[in-house]
Protein backbone atom coordinates (compact mmCIF):
# COMPACT_ATOMS: atom_id res chain seq x y z
CA MET A 1 162.32 5.63 105.39
CA LYS A 2 164.96 4.46 102.90
CA ASN A 3 162.53 2.25 100.95
CA THR A 4 159.89 4.99 100.96
CA VAL A 5 162.34 7.47 99.46
CA LEU A 6 163.61 4.98 96.90
CA ILE A 7 160.11 3.99 95.84
CA PHE A 8 159.16 7.68 95.57
CA PHE A 9 162.03 8.40 93.18
CA SER A 10 161.44 5.16 91.31
CA VAL A 11 157.81 5.99 90.70
CA LEU A 12 158.82 9.50 89.69
CA LEU A 13 161.54 8.48 87.24
CA MET A 14 160.96 4.87 86.15
CA ALA A 15 159.44 3.61 82.93
CA VAL A 16 156.27 1.57 83.25
CA THR A 17 156.38 -0.90 80.40
CA ASP A 18 153.00 -2.63 80.35
CA THR A 19 149.40 -1.50 80.29
CA GLN A 20 148.60 -2.98 83.70
CA ALA A 21 149.41 -1.25 86.98
CA GLN A 22 152.63 -2.59 88.51
CA PRO A 23 152.01 -4.61 91.70
CA ALA A 24 153.60 -3.10 94.81
CA LYS A 25 156.07 -6.01 95.08
CA GLN A 26 157.29 -5.41 91.52
CA VAL A 27 157.71 -1.66 92.15
CA LYS A 28 159.72 -2.43 95.30
CA GLN A 29 161.92 -4.86 93.35
CA MET A 30 162.61 -2.23 90.70
CA ALA A 31 163.42 0.35 93.40
CA ASP A 32 165.75 -2.08 95.17
CA ALA A 33 167.53 -2.88 91.89
CA ASP A 34 168.15 0.85 91.32
CA SER A 35 168.76 1.74 94.97
CA VAL A 36 172.37 2.91 94.64
CA ARG A 37 171.54 5.47 91.93
CA LEU A 38 168.34 6.57 93.66
CA ALA A 39 170.06 7.02 97.03
CA GLU A 40 172.75 9.12 95.35
CA LEU A 41 170.06 11.24 93.67
CA PHE A 42 168.34 11.70 97.04
CA ARG A 43 171.62 12.83 98.69
CA ASP A 44 172.46 15.13 95.77
CA LEU A 45 169.07 16.88 95.88
CA HIS A 46 169.35 17.19 99.67
CA GLN A 47 172.81 18.79 99.41
CA HIS A 48 171.69 21.28 96.76
CA PRO A 49 168.36 22.75 97.93
CA GLU A 50 166.82 25.70 96.09
CA LEU A 51 164.27 28.28 97.16
CA ALA A 52 160.75 28.34 95.72
CA PHE A 53 160.58 29.53 92.11
CA MET A 54 164.39 29.31 91.91
CA GLU A 55 164.70 25.52 91.49
CA GLU A 56 166.59 25.69 88.19
CA ARG A 57 169.04 22.86 88.97
CA THR A 58 166.42 20.62 90.57
CA SER A 59 163.87 21.05 87.79
CA GLY A 60 166.63 20.34 85.26
CA ILE A 61 167.40 17.04 87.00
CA VAL A 62 163.73 16.02 87.06
CA ALA A 63 163.15 17.06 83.43
CA GLY A 64 166.33 15.27 82.36
CA GLY A 65 165.21 12.10 84.12
CA PHE A 66 161.88 12.13 82.32
CA LYS A 67 163.51 12.89 78.97
CA ALA A 68 166.06 10.09 79.43
CA LEU A 69 163.14 7.69 79.78
CA GLY A 70 161.62 8.99 76.55
CA TYR A 71 158.70 10.87 78.07
CA GLU A 72 157.25 14.12 76.83
CA VAL A 73 158.33 16.93 79.18
CA ILE A 74 156.88 20.38 79.71
CA THR A 75 159.01 22.82 81.70
CA GLY A 76 158.43 26.32 83.03
CA ILE A 77 155.12 25.49 84.71
CA GLY A 78 154.62 28.23 87.32
CA LYS A 79 158.19 29.30 86.49
CA THR A 80 160.28 26.26 87.50
CA GLY A 81 157.70 23.45 87.54
CA VAL A 82 158.06 20.31 85.43
CA VAL A 83 155.37 18.08 83.98
CA GLY A 84 156.22 14.62 82.71
CA ILE A 85 153.62 13.02 80.46
CA LEU A 86 153.79 9.35 81.38
CA LYS A 87 151.53 7.70 78.81
CA ASN A 88 150.67 4.09 79.42
CA GLY A 89 147.78 3.25 77.14
CA ASN A 90 144.07 3.75 77.67
CA GLY A 91 142.59 3.73 81.11
CA PRO A 92 142.43 5.83 84.26
CA VAL A 93 144.62 8.91 84.53
CA VAL A 94 146.78 9.44 87.59
CA MET A 95 148.15 12.86 88.46
CA TYR A 96 151.07 13.06 90.89
CA ARG A 97 152.46 16.23 92.43
CA ALA A 98 155.71 16.73 94.34
CA ASP A 99 157.43 19.83 95.70
CA MET A 100 160.99 20.67 94.73
CA ASP A 101 161.74 23.72 96.86
CA CYS A 102 163.39 23.92 100.25
CA ASN A 103 163.04 25.80 103.50
CA ALA A 104 165.47 28.54 104.48
CA VAL A 105 166.57 27.11 107.82
CA LYS A 106 169.94 25.98 109.13
CA GLU A 107 170.38 22.23 108.87
CA ILE A 108 171.79 20.70 112.05
CA THR A 109 171.15 17.03 111.31
CA GLY A 110 174.83 16.11 111.16
CA LEU A 111 174.20 13.96 108.08
CA SER A 112 177.18 13.44 105.79
CA TYR A 113 175.10 14.94 102.97
CA SER A 114 173.75 17.90 104.96
CA SER A 115 173.16 21.07 103.01
CA THR A 116 175.56 23.91 103.69
CA LYS A 117 174.27 25.93 100.75
CA THR A 118 173.44 29.61 100.97
CA MET A 119 171.14 30.99 98.30
CA PHE A 120 169.97 34.53 97.64
CA ASN A 121 166.35 35.25 96.80
CA SER A 122 165.24 37.47 93.92
CA GLU A 123 165.81 40.60 96.07
CA GLY A 124 169.42 39.55 96.77
CA ILE A 125 168.69 38.64 100.40
CA PRO A 126 170.20 35.40 101.75
CA GLY A 127 167.52 32.80 102.37
CA SER A 128 163.99 34.01 101.88
CA PRO A 129 161.96 37.03 102.99
CA GLN A 130 160.17 35.15 105.75
CA PHE A 131 163.34 33.75 107.38
CA SER A 132 166.45 35.53 108.57
CA THR A 133 168.81 32.57 108.28
CA PRO A 134 170.66 32.17 104.98
CA ASP A 135 171.03 28.39 105.17
CA LEU A 136 168.74 26.02 103.29
CA LEU A 137 167.24 22.67 104.24
CA CYS A 138 165.47 20.24 101.97
CA ILE A 139 162.59 18.55 103.79
CA HIS A 140 161.68 15.07 102.51
């Protein structure tokens, strides 16, 4: 699970520097080399979940990561969505999609980075209209 999460964030936020696809071993090596920062990012996002269409903090982190790597960034897609234009020369185009929102359920995992956040939806109701619990859980 740890390597899967680290590789996910690495692929999402890393710079690809050549015109050839990176072999899986090389991607894993880059993820391992950046594992401390990526694990902290994972824990931070897990501790600060946001409801759908309210992911202001999360989208800011993703957009900032892309910008820091020098990529063109488009924000506000579908309200809080982010698009990073990862140009890497001519060739096939790959589109990747990831969700940033959370579920309004009480987290009882006991993890040291468990979310204890309460968030109000656009109507001022804790959680979301379809759930009565005010707690939020980020599902990875």
